[in-house]
C-alpha cells in the first residue's frame, strides 16, 4: 500500500496473533449469540468491525475463510444499513486500488 516491502516474519507473526483473536471471537463471543455482547448490536460490535475491516485497505479480508465471522459482519452491516458502507468507503477504495 505504501510501496515499501513488508517483512515476512512480522506479517506472519501478526497474522498468527490475529487468527488467535478471531478464534476467540468465534468460540467465546459469538458461540451462542448473534452479536458480541448479546442479541443486539453494541459498541463492542462497532469497534471490532472497524478494526477487522482495516486489512481490506491492503487487499486482505481477514474474515474470508470464517463463516461465523462473515455472518456476524453481515448482521452488523444489516443493522447499520448504508452507514456501514459510508464508514468504510475509503477502505473499499484502497482495497480496489491494491487489486490493480
PDB file of N, CA and C in Angstrom:
ATOM      1  N   UNK A   1       0.822  -1.188   0.000  1.00  0.00           N
ATOM      2  CA  UNK A   1       0.000   0.000   0.000  1.00  0.00           C
ATOM      3  C   UNK A   1       0.867   1.253   0.000  1.00  0.00           C
ATOM      4  N   UNK A   2       1.969   1.242   0.761  1.00  0.00           N
ATOM      5  CA  UNK A   2       2.833   2.417   0.813  1.00  0.00           C
ATOM      6  C   UNK A   2       3.988   2.308  -0.170  1.00  0.00           C
ATOM      7  N   UNK A   3       4.099   1.158  -0.818  1.00  0.00           N
ATOM      8  CA  UNK A   3       5.192   0.959  -1.748  1.00  0.00           C
ATOM      9  C   UNK A   3       6.439   0.385  -1.107  1.00  0.00           C
ATOM     10  N   UNK A   4       6.407   0.233   0.196  1.00  0.00           N
ATOM     11  CA  UNK A   4       7.550  -0.333   0.902  1.00  0.00           C
ATOM     12  C   UNK A   4       7.351  -1.833   1.083  1.00  0.00           C
ATOM     13  N   UNK A   5       8.456  -2.551   1.061  1.00  0.00           N
ATOM     14  CA  UNK A   5       8.401  -4.001   1.257  1.00  0.00           C
ATOM     15  C   UNK A   5       8.009  -4.318   2.702  1.00  0.00           C
ATOM     16  N   UNK A   6       7.293  -5.414   2.861  1.00  0.00           N
ATOM     17  CA  UNK A   6       6.928  -5.850   4.209  1.00  0.00           C
ATOM     18  C   UNK A   6       7.890  -6.941   4.653  1.00  0.00           C
ATOM     19  N   UNK A   7       8.074  -7.043   5.946  1.00  0.00           N
ATOM     20  CA  UNK A   7       8.920  -8.088   6.493  1.00  0.00           C
ATOM     21  C   UNK A   7       8.057  -9.314   6.733  1.00  0.00           C
ATOM     22  N   UNK A   8       8.371 -10.406   6.024  1.00  0.00           N
ATOM     23  CA  UNK A   8       7.547 -11.610   6.061  1.00  0.00           C
ATOM     24  C   UNK A   8       7.373 -12.148   7.479  1.00  0.00           C
ATOM     25  N   UNK A   9       8.406 -12.092   8.286  1.00  0.00           N
ATOM     26  CA  UNK A   9       8.331 -12.614   9.647  1.00  0.00           C
ATOM     27  C   UNK A   9       7.339 -11.807  10.474  1.00  0.00           C
ATOM     28  N   UNK A  10       7.368 -10.501  10.337  1.00  0.00           N
ATOM     29  CA  UNK A  10       6.438  -9.644  11.079  1.00  0.00           C
ATOM     30  C   UNK A  10       5.002  -9.878  10.632  1.00  0.00           C
ATOM     31  N   UNK A  11       4.805 -10.007   9.330  1.00  0.00           N
ATOM     32  CA  UNK A  11       3.466 -10.256   8.810  1.00  0.00           C
ATOM     33  C   UNK A  11       2.950 -11.596   9.311  1.00  0.00           C
ATOM     34  N   UNK A  12       3.787 -12.618   9.250  1.00  0.00           N
ATOM     35  CA  UNK A  12       3.387 -13.955   9.702  1.00  0.00           C
ATOM     36  C   UNK A  12       3.024 -13.947  11.184  1.00  0.00           C
ATOM     37  N   UNK A  13       3.808 -13.263  11.991  1.00  0.00           N
ATOM     38  CA  UNK A  13       3.532 -13.178  13.425  1.00  0.00           C
ATOM     39  C   UNK A  13       2.214 -12.443  13.676  1.00  0.00           C
ATOM     40  N   UNK A  14       1.988 -11.354  12.958  1.00  0.00           N
ATOM     41  CA  UNK A  14       0.752 -10.587  13.124  1.00  0.00           C
ATOM     42  C   UNK A  14      -0.468 -11.412  12.706  1.00  0.00           C
ATOM     43  N   UNK A  15      -0.345 -12.153  11.621  1.00  0.00           N
ATOM     44  CA  UNK A  15      -1.452 -12.988  11.149  1.00  0.00           C
ATOM     45  C   UNK A  15      -1.744 -14.102  12.154  1.00  0.00           C
ATOM     46  N   UNK A  16      -0.715 -14.681  12.725  1.00  0.00           N
ATOM     47  CA  UNK A  16      -0.891 -15.721  13.740  1.00  0.00           C
ATOM     48  C   UNK A  16      -1.625 -15.169  14.961  1.00  0.00           C
ATOM     49  N   UNK A  17      -1.215 -13.997  15.428  1.00  0.00           N
ATOM     50  CA  UNK A  17      -1.885 -13.371  16.572  1.00  0.00           C
ATOM     51  C   UNK A  17      -3.333 -13.023  16.235  1.00  0.00           C
ATOM     52  N   UNK A  18      -3.549 -12.508  15.042  1.00  0.00           N
ATOM     53  CA  UNK A  18      -4.899 -12.162  14.618  1.00  0.00           C
ATOM     54  C   UNK A  18      -5.781 -13.404  14.570  1.00  0.00           C
ATOM     55  N   UNK A  19      -5.263 -14.489  14.040  1.00  0.00           N
ATOM     56  CA  UNK A  19      -6.045 -15.728  13.974  1.00  0.00           C
ATOM     57  C   UNK A  19      -6.446 -16.204  15.359  1.00  0.00           C
ATOM     58  N   UNK A  20      -5.574 -16.040  16.338  1.00  0.00           N
ATOM     59  CA  UNK A  20      -5.915 -16.390  17.714  1.00  0.00           C
ATOM     60  C   UNK A  20      -7.064 -15.544  18.229  1.00  0.00           C
ATOM     61  N   UNK A  21      -7.031 -14.267  17.919  1.00  0.00           N
ATOM     62  CA  UNK A  21      -8.102 -13.361  18.332  1.00  0.00           C
ATOM     63  C   UNK A  21      -9.410 -13.716  17.630  1.00  0.00           C
ATOM     64  N   UNK A  22      -9.340 -14.006  16.347  1.00  0.00           N
ATOM     65  CA  UNK A  22     -10.539 -14.375  15.597  1.00  0.00           C
ATOM     66  C   UNK A  22     -11.136 -15.676  16.134  1.00  0.00           C
ATOM     67  N   UNK A  23     -10.274 -16.615  16.503  1.00  0.00           N
ATOM     68  CA  UNK A  23     -10.742 -17.868  17.112  1.00  0.00           C
ATOM     69  C   UNK A  23     -11.530 -17.580  18.384  1.00  0.00           C
ATOM     70  N   UNK A  24     -11.032 -16.656  19.204  1.00  0.00           N
ATOM     71  CA  UNK A  24     -11.717 -16.308  20.456  1.00  0.00           C
ATOM     72  C   UNK A  24     -13.055 -15.624  20.183  1.00  0.00           C
ATOM     73  N   UNK A  25     -13.089 -14.747  19.201  1.00  0.00           N
ATOM     74  CA  UNK A  25     -14.355 -14.096  18.865  1.00  0.00           C
ATOM     75  C   UNK A  25     -15.411 -15.138  18.501  1.00  0.00           C
ATOM     76  N   UNK A  26     -14.991 -16.124  17.703  1.00  0.00           N
ATOM     77  CA  UNK A  26     -15.928 -17.167  17.277  1.00  0.00           C
ATOM     78  C   UNK A  26     -16.335 -18.087  18.427  1.00  0.00           C
ATOM     79  N   UNK A  27     -15.359 -18.547  19.191  1.00  0.00           N
ATOM     80  CA  UNK A  27     -15.631 -19.579  20.196  1.00  0.00           C
ATOM     81  C   UNK A  27     -16.171 -19.046  21.509  1.00  0.00           C
ATOM     82  N   UNK A  28     -15.922 -17.789  21.806  1.00  0.00           N
ATOM     83  CA  UNK A  28     -16.390 -17.232  23.073  1.00  0.00           C
ATOM     84  C   UNK A  28     -17.550 -16.260  22.888  1.00  0.00           C
ATOM     85  N   UNK A  29     -17.341 -15.255  22.087  1.00  0.00           N
ATOM     86  CA  UNK A  29     -18.314 -14.174  21.996  1.00  0.00           C
ATOM     87  C   UNK A  29     -19.476 -14.464  21.052  1.00  0.00           C
ATOM     88  N   UNK A  30     -19.214 -15.191  19.983  1.00  0.00           N
ATOM     89  CA  UNK A  30     -20.274 -15.476  19.011  1.00  0.00           C
ATOM     90  C   UNK A  30     -20.734 -16.926  19.073  1.00  0.00           C
ATOM     91  N   UNK A  31     -20.353 -17.608  20.127  1.00  0.00           N
ATOM     92  CA  UNK A  31     -20.683 -19.030  20.263  1.00  0.00           C
ATOM     93  C   UNK A  31     -22.182 -19.276  20.227  1.00  0.00           C
ATOM     94  N   UNK A  32     -22.930 -18.492  20.965  1.00  0.00           N
ATOM     95  CA  UNK A  32     -24.364 -18.751  21.054  1.00  0.00           C
ATOM     96  C   UNK A  32     -25.211 -17.477  21.004  1.00  0.00           C
ATOM     97  N   UNK A  33     -24.641 -16.443  20.394  1.00  0.00           N
ATOM     98  CA  UNK A  33     -25.393 -15.188  20.287  1.00  0.00           C
ATOM     99  C   UNK A  33     -25.018 -14.495  18.986  1.00  0.00           C
ATOM    100  N   UNK A  34     -25.927 -13.680  18.454  1.00  0.00           N
ATOM    101  CA  UNK A  34     -25.679 -13.064  17.143  1.00  0.00           C
ATOM    102  C   UNK A  34     -24.671 -11.920  17.143  1.00  0.00           C
ATOM    103  N   UNK A  35     -24.518 -11.244  18.276  1.00  0.00           N
ATOM    104  CA  UNK A  35     -23.584 -10.128  18.366  1.00  0.00           C
ATOM    105  C   UNK A  35     -22.622 -10.375  19.525  1.00  0.00           C
ATOM    106  N   UNK A  36     -21.569  -9.600  19.601  1.00  0.00           N
ATOM    107  CA  UNK A  36     -20.514  -9.851  20.588  1.00  0.00           C
ATOM    108  C   UNK A  36     -20.993  -9.819  22.028  1.00  0.00           C
ATOM    109  N   UNK A  37     -21.981  -8.985  22.319  1.00  0.00           N
ATOM    110  CA  UNK A  37     -22.451  -8.854  23.711  1.00  0.00           C
ATOM    111  C   UNK A  37     -23.894  -9.302  23.900  1.00  0.00           C
ATOM    112  N   UNK A  38     -24.442 -10.028  22.959  1.00  0.00           N
ATOM    113  CA  UNK A  38     -25.807 -10.499  23.140  1.00  0.00           C
ATOM    114  C   UNK A  38     -26.625 -10.497  21.868  1.00  0.00           C
ATOM    115  N   UNK A  39     -27.902 -10.246  22.037  1.00  0.00           N
ATOM    116  CA  UNK A  39     -28.842 -10.312  20.920  1.00  0.00           C
ATOM    117  C   UNK A  39     -28.929  -9.035  20.095  1.00  0.00           C
ATOM    118  N   UNK A  40     -28.379  -7.954  20.606  1.00  0.00           N
ATOM    119  CA  UNK A  40     -28.440  -6.672  19.907  1.00  0.00           C
ATOM    120  C   UNK A  40     -27.042  -6.138  19.631  1.00  0.00           C
ATOM    121  N   UNK A  41     -26.916  -5.385  18.573  1.00  0.00           N
ATOM    122  CA  UNK A  41     -25.644  -4.763  18.239  1.00  0.00           C
ATOM    123  C   UNK A  41     -25.236  -3.805  19.366  1.00  0.00           C
ATOM    124  N   UNK A  42     -23.941  -3.733  19.622  1.00  0.00           N
ATOM    125  CA  UNK A  42     -23.439  -2.869  20.696  1.00  0.00           C
ATOM    126  C   UNK A  42     -22.181  -2.146  20.229  1.00  0.00           C
ATOM    127  N   UNK A  43     -21.687  -1.293  21.081  1.00  0.00           N
ATOM    128  CA  UNK A  43     -20.438  -0.585  20.801  1.00  0.00           C
ATOM    129  C   UNK A  43     -19.298  -1.572  20.538  1.00  0.00           C
ATOM    130  N   UNK A  44     -19.316  -2.699  21.222  1.00  0.00           N
ATOM    131  CA  UNK A  44     -18.281  -3.726  21.014  1.00  0.00           C
ATOM    132  C   UNK A  44     -18.268  -4.190  19.560  1.00  0.00           C
ATOM    133  N   UNK A  45     -19.427  -4.408  18.972  1.00  0.00           N
ATOM    134  CA  UNK A  45     -19.509  -4.821  17.567  1.00  0.00           C
ATOM    135  C   UNK A  45     -18.967  -3.739  16.644  1.00  0.00           C
ATOM    136  N   UNK A  46     -19.322  -2.486  16.938  1.00  0.00           N
ATOM    137  CA  UNK A  46     -18.870  -1.376  16.094  1.00  0.00           C
ATOM    138  C   UNK A  46     -17.355  -1.239  16.126  1.00  0.00           C
ATOM    139  N   UNK A  47     -16.784  -1.301  17.316  1.00  0.00           N
ATOM    140  CA  UNK A  47     -15.333  -1.181  17.439  1.00  0.00           C
ATOM    141  C   UNK A  47     -14.625  -2.360  16.781  1.00  0.00           C
ATOM    142  N   UNK A  48     -15.137  -3.556  17.016  1.00  0.00           N
ATOM    143  CA  UNK A  48     -14.498  -4.749  16.451  1.00  0.00           C
ATOM    144  C   UNK A  48     -14.567  -4.760  14.932  1.00  0.00           C
ATOM    145  N   UNK A  49     -15.733  -4.440  14.374  1.00  0.00           N
ATOM    146  CA  UNK A  49     -15.851  -4.491  12.919  1.00  0.00           C
ATOM    147  C   UNK A  49     -14.954  -3.450  12.262  1.00  0.00           C
ATOM    148  N   UNK A  50     -14.826  -2.292  12.876  1.00  0.00           N
ATOM    149  CA  UNK A  50     -13.929  -1.270  12.312  1.00  0.00           C
ATOM    150  C   UNK A  50     -12.492  -1.765  12.279  1.00  0.00           C
ATOM    151  N   UNK A  51     -12.058  -2.418  13.329  1.00  0.00           N
ATOM    152  CA  UNK A  51     -10.691  -2.951  13.365  1.00  0.00           C
ATOM    153  C   UNK A  51     -10.506  -4.078  12.354  1.00  0.00           C
ATOM    154  N   UNK A  52     -11.486  -4.956  12.263  1.00  0.00           N
ATOM    155  CA  UNK A  52     -11.354  -6.116  11.375  1.00  0.00           C
ATOM    156  C   UNK A  52     -11.527  -5.761   9.905  1.00  0.00           C
ATOM    157  N   UNK A  53     -12.055  -4.593   9.620  1.00  0.00           N
ATOM    158  CA  UNK A  53     -12.171  -4.136   8.242  1.00  0.00           C
ATOM    159  C   UNK A  53     -10.868  -3.489   7.754  1.00  0.00           C
ATOM    160  N   UNK A  54     -10.030  -3.024   8.664  1.00  0.00           N
ATOM    161  CA  UNK A  54      -8.811  -2.294   8.293  1.00  0.00           C
ATOM    162  C   UNK A  54      -7.915  -3.039   7.301  1.00  0.00           C
ATOM    163  N   UNK A  55      -7.677  -4.345   7.457  1.00  0.00           N
ATOM    164  CA  UNK A  55      -6.804  -5.029   6.500  1.00  0.00           C
ATOM    165  C   UNK A  55      -7.296  -4.999   5.054  1.00  0.00           C
ATOM    166  N   UNK A  56      -8.587  -4.684   4.848  1.00  0.00           N
ATOM    167  CA  UNK A  56      -9.087  -4.559   3.474  1.00  0.00           C
ATOM    168  C   UNK A  56      -8.318  -3.509   2.689  1.00  0.00           C
ATOM    169  N   UNK A  57      -7.817  -2.512   3.388  1.00  0.00           N
ATOM    170  CA  UNK A  57      -7.065  -1.446   2.707  1.00  0.00           C
ATOM    171  C   UNK A  57      -5.837  -2.011   1.993  1.00  0.00           C
ATOM    172  N   UNK A  58      -5.316  -3.102   2.491  1.00  0.00           N
ATOM    173  CA  UNK A  58      -4.178  -3.759   1.857  1.00  0.00           C
ATOM    174  C   UNK A  58      -4.573  -4.952   1.012  1.00  0.00           C
ATOM    175  N   UNK A  59      -5.874  -5.122   0.798  1.00  0.00           N
ATOM    176  CA  UNK A  59      -6.350  -6.209  -0.041  1.00  0.00           C
ATOM    177  C   UNK A  59      -6.543  -7.531   0.687  1.00  0.00           C
ATOM    178  N   UNK A  60      -6.556  -7.530   2.026  1.00  0.00           N
ATOM    179  CA  UNK A  60      -6.700  -8.770   2.782  1.00  0.00           C
ATOM    180  C   UNK A  60      -8.010  -8.750   3.565  1.00  0.00           C
ATOM    181  N   UNK A  61      -8.875  -9.711   3.277  1.00  0.00           N
ATOM    182  CA  UNK A  61     -10.115  -9.867   4.038  1.00  0.00           C
ATOM    183  C   UNK A  61      -9.861 -10.950   5.079  1.00  0.00           C
ATOM    184  N   UNK A  62      -9.651 -10.557   6.323  1.00  0.00           N
ATOM    185  CA  UNK A  62      -9.271 -11.497   7.372  1.00  0.00           C
ATOM    186  C   UNK A  62     -10.426 -12.396   7.798  1.00  0.00           C
ATOM    187  N   UNK A  63     -11.635 -12.076   7.359  1.00  0.00           N
ATOM    188  CA  UNK A  63     -12.796 -12.897   7.702  1.00  0.00           C
ATOM    189  C   UNK A  63     -13.171 -13.864   6.585  1.00  0.00           C
ATOM    190  N   UNK A  64     -12.453 -13.819   5.500  1.00  0.00           N
ATOM    191  CA  UNK A  64     -12.774 -14.546   4.272  1.00  0.00           C
ATOM    192  C   UNK A  64     -13.090 -16.029   4.488  1.00  0.00           C
ATOM    193  N   UNK A  65     -12.306 -16.728   5.259  1.00  0.00           N
ATOM    194  CA  UNK A  65     -12.495 -18.170   5.451  1.00  0.00           C
ATOM    195  C   UNK A  65     -13.123 -18.495   6.800  1.00  0.00           C
ATOM    196  N   UNK A  66     -13.905 -17.575   7.334  1.00  0.00           N
ATOM    197  CA  UNK A  66     -14.508 -17.750   8.651  1.00  0.00           C
ATOM    198  C   UNK A  66     -16.010 -17.483   8.567  1.00  0.00           C
ATOM    199  N   UNK A  67     -16.779 -18.526   8.244  1.00  0.00           N
ATOM    200  CA  UNK A  67     -18.227 -18.351   8.038  1.00  0.00           C
ATOM    201  C   UNK A  67     -18.961 -17.707   9.218  1.00  0.00           C
ATOM    202  N   UNK A  68     -18.577 -18.051  10.435  1.00  0.00           N
ATOM    203  CA  UNK A  68     -19.270 -17.491  11.595  1.00  0.00           C
ATOM    204  C   UNK A  68     -19.027 -15.983  11.688  1.00  0.00           C
ATOM    205  N   UNK A  69     -17.797 -15.556  11.422  1.00  0.00           N
ATOM    206  CA  UNK A  69     -17.481 -14.130  11.468  1.00  0.00           C
ATOM    207  C   UNK A  69     -18.046 -13.393  10.256  1.00  0.00           C
ATOM    208  N   UNK A  70     -18.096 -14.049   9.122  1.00  0.00           N
ATOM    209  CA  UNK A  70     -18.719 -13.432   7.949  1.00  0.00           C
ATOM    210  C   UNK A  70     -20.209 -13.192   8.199  1.00  0.00           C
ATOM    211  N   UNK A  71     -20.866 -14.155   8.843  1.00  0.00           N
ATOM    212  CA  UNK A  71     -22.284 -13.989   9.167  1.00  0.00           C
ATOM    213  C   UNK A  71     -22.472 -12.849  10.161  1.00  0.00           C
ATOM    214  N   UNK A  72     -21.556 -12.750  11.134  1.00  0.00           N
ATOM    215  CA  UNK A  72     -21.607 -11.645  12.104  1.00  0.00           C
ATOM    216  C   UNK A  72     -21.429 -10.305  11.386  1.00  0.00           C
ATOM    217  N   UNK A  73     -20.419 -10.235  10.496  1.00  0.00           N
ATOM    218  CA  UNK A  73     -20.207  -8.987   9.750  1.00  0.00           C
ATOM    219  C   UNK A  73     -21.462  -8.624   8.958  1.00  0.00           C
ATOM    220  N   UNK A  74     -22.100  -9.609   8.380  1.00  0.00           N
ATOM    221  CA  UNK A  74     -23.324  -9.361   7.630  1.00  0.00           C
ATOM    222  C   UNK A  74     -24.438  -8.829   8.535  1.00  0.00           C
ATOM    223  N   UNK A  75     -24.541  -9.369   9.750  1.00  0.00           N
ATOM    224  CA  UNK A  75     -25.548  -8.866  10.698  1.00  0.00           C
ATOM    225  C   UNK A  75     -25.246  -7.428  11.110  1.00  0.00           C
ATOM    226  N   UNK A  76     -23.972  -7.139  11.346  1.00  0.00           N
ATOM    227  CA  UNK A  76     -23.584  -5.767  11.703  1.00  0.00           C
ATOM    228  C   UNK A  76     -23.893  -4.830  10.541  1.00  0.00           C
ATOM    229  N   UNK A  77     -23.528  -5.246   9.340  1.00  0.00           N
ATOM    230  CA  UNK A  77     -23.774  -4.437   8.154  1.00  0.00           C
ATOM    231  C   UNK A  77     -25.274  -4.204   7.967  1.00  0.00           C
ATOM    232  N   UNK A  78     -26.059  -5.238   8.183  1.00  0.00           N
ATOM    233  CA  UNK A  78     -27.512  -5.110   8.053  1.00  0.00           C
ATOM    234  C   UNK A  78     -28.085  -4.151   9.098  1.00  0.00           C
ATOM    235  N   UNK A  79     -27.568  -4.239  10.317  1.00  0.00           N
ATOM    236  CA  UNK A  79     -28.045  -3.357  11.390  1.00  0.00           C
ATOM    237  C   UNK A  79     -27.706  -1.895  11.111  1.00  0.00           C
ATOM    238  N   UNK A  80     -26.550  -1.670  10.515  1.00  0.00           N
ATOM    239  CA  UNK A  80     -26.097  -0.303  10.252  1.00  0.00           C
ATOM    240  C   UNK A  80     -26.589   0.247   8.920  1.00  0.00           C
ATOM    241  N   UNK A  81     -27.057  -0.619   8.061  1.00  0.00           N
ATOM    242  CA  UNK A  81     -27.546  -0.265   6.732  1.00  0.00           C
ATOM    243  C   UNK A  81     -26.484   0.525   5.965  1.00  0.00           C
ATOM    244  N   UNK A  82     -26.855   1.620   5.337  1.00  0.00           N
ATOM    245  CA  UNK A  82     -25.928   2.387   4.491  1.00  0.00           C
ATOM    246  C   UNK A  82     -24.754   2.975   5.275  1.00  0.00           C
ATOM    247  N   UNK A  83     -24.930   3.179   6.552  1.00  0.00           N
ATOM    248  CA  UNK A  83     -23.854   3.754   7.373  1.00  0.00           C
ATOM    249  C   UNK A  83     -22.611   2.875   7.371  1.00  0.00           C
ATOM    250  N   UNK A  84     -22.803   1.562   7.256  1.00  0.00           N
ATOM    251  CA  UNK A  84     -21.666   0.646   7.239  1.00  0.00           C
ATOM    252  C   UNK A  84     -20.767   0.953   6.046  1.00  0.00           C
ATOM    253  N   UNK A  85     -21.352   0.985   4.876  1.00  0.00           N
ATOM    254  CA  UNK A  85     -20.557   1.251   3.671  1.00  0.00           C
ATOM    255  C   UNK A  85     -20.040   2.681   3.644  1.00  0.00           C
ATOM    256  N   UNK A  86     -20.811   3.619   4.141  1.00  0.00           N
ATOM    257  CA  UNK A  86     -20.348   5.002   4.214  1.00  0.00           C
ATOM    258  C   UNK A  86     -19.092   5.109   5.082  1.00  0.00           C
ATOM    259  N   UNK A  87     -19.078   4.370   6.183  1.00  0.00           N
ATOM    260  CA  UNK A  87     -17.936   4.423   7.101  1.00  0.00           C
ATOM    261  C   UNK A  87     -16.695   3.754   6.522  1.00  0.00           C
ATOM    262  N   UNK A  88     -16.890   2.861   5.567  1.00  0.00           N
ATOM    263  CA  UNK A  88     -15.761   2.096   5.032  1.00  0.00           C
ATOM    264  C   UNK A  88     -15.418   2.432   3.582  1.00  0.00           C
ATOM    265  N   UNK A  89     -15.965   3.505   3.062  1.00  0.00           N
ATOM    266  CA  UNK A  89     -15.756   3.847   1.658  1.00  0.00           C
ATOM    267  C   UNK A  89     -14.270   4.033   1.328  1.00  0.00           C
ATOM    268  N   UNK A  90     -13.508   4.626   2.223  1.00  0.00           N
ATOM    269  CA  UNK A  90     -12.071   4.823   1.967  1.00  0.00           C
ATOM    270  C   UNK A  90     -11.364   3.470   1.918  1.00  0.00           C
ATOM    271  N   UNK A  91     -11.728   2.569   2.810  1.00  0.00           N
ATOM    272  CA  UNK A  91     -11.128   1.229   2.792  1.00  0.00           C
ATOM    273  C   UNK A  91     -11.455   0.499   1.496  1.00  0.00           C
ATOM    274  N   UNK A  92     -12.685   0.629   1.032  1.00  0.00           N
ATOM    275  CA  UNK A  92     -13.070  -0.018  -0.219  1.00  0.00           C
ATOM    276  C   UNK A  92     -12.240   0.516  -1.384  1.00  0.00           C
ATOM    277  N   UNK A  93     -12.010   1.826  -1.395  1.00  0.00           N
ATOM    278  CA  UNK A  93     -11.199   2.419  -2.470  1.00  0.00           C
ATOM    279  C   UNK A  93      -9.761   1.909  -2.421  1.00  0.00           C
ATOM    280  N   UNK A  94      -9.196   1.855  -1.225  1.00  0.00           N
ATOM    281  CA  UNK A  94      -7.824   1.357  -1.080  1.00  0.00           C
ATOM    282  C   UNK A  94      -7.744  -0.124  -1.465  1.00  0.00           C
ATOM    283  N   UNK A  95      -8.750  -0.907  -1.085  1.00  0.00           N
ATOM    284  CA  UNK A  95      -8.796  -2.313  -1.457  1.00  0.00           C
ATOM    285  C   UNK A  95      -8.804  -2.467  -2.976  1.00  0.00           C
ATOM    286  N   UNK A  96      -9.653  -1.689  -3.631  1.00  0.00           N
ATOM    287  CA  UNK A  96      -9.760  -1.775  -5.074  1.00  0.00           C
ATOM    288  C   UNK A  96      -8.454  -1.333  -5.751  1.00  0.00           C
ATOM    289  N   UNK A  97      -7.804  -0.357  -5.176  1.00  0.00           N
ATOM    290  CA  UNK A  97      -6.523   0.120  -5.703  1.00  0.00           C
ATOM    291  C   UNK A  97      -5.450  -0.953  -5.544  1.00  0.00           C
ATOM    292  N   UNK A  98      -5.480  -1.673  -4.421  1.00  0.00           N
ATOM    293  CA  UNK A  98      -4.500  -2.727  -4.149  1.00  0.00           C
ATOM    294  C   UNK A  98      -4.643  -3.889  -5.123  1.00  0.00           C
ATOM    295  N   UNK A  99      -5.847  -4.078  -5.673  1.00  0.00           N
ATOM    296  CA  UNK A  99      -6.091  -5.178  -6.624  1.00  0.00           C
ATOM    297  C   UNK A  99      -5.451  -4.909  -7.977  1.00  0.00           C
ATOM    298  N   UNK A 100      -5.173  -3.640  -8.267  1.00  0.00           N
ATOM    299  CA  UNK A 100      -4.626  -3.264  -9.587  1.00  0.00           C
ATOM    300  C   UNK A 100      -3.221  -3.711  -9.773  1.00  0.00           C
TER     301      UNK A 100
END
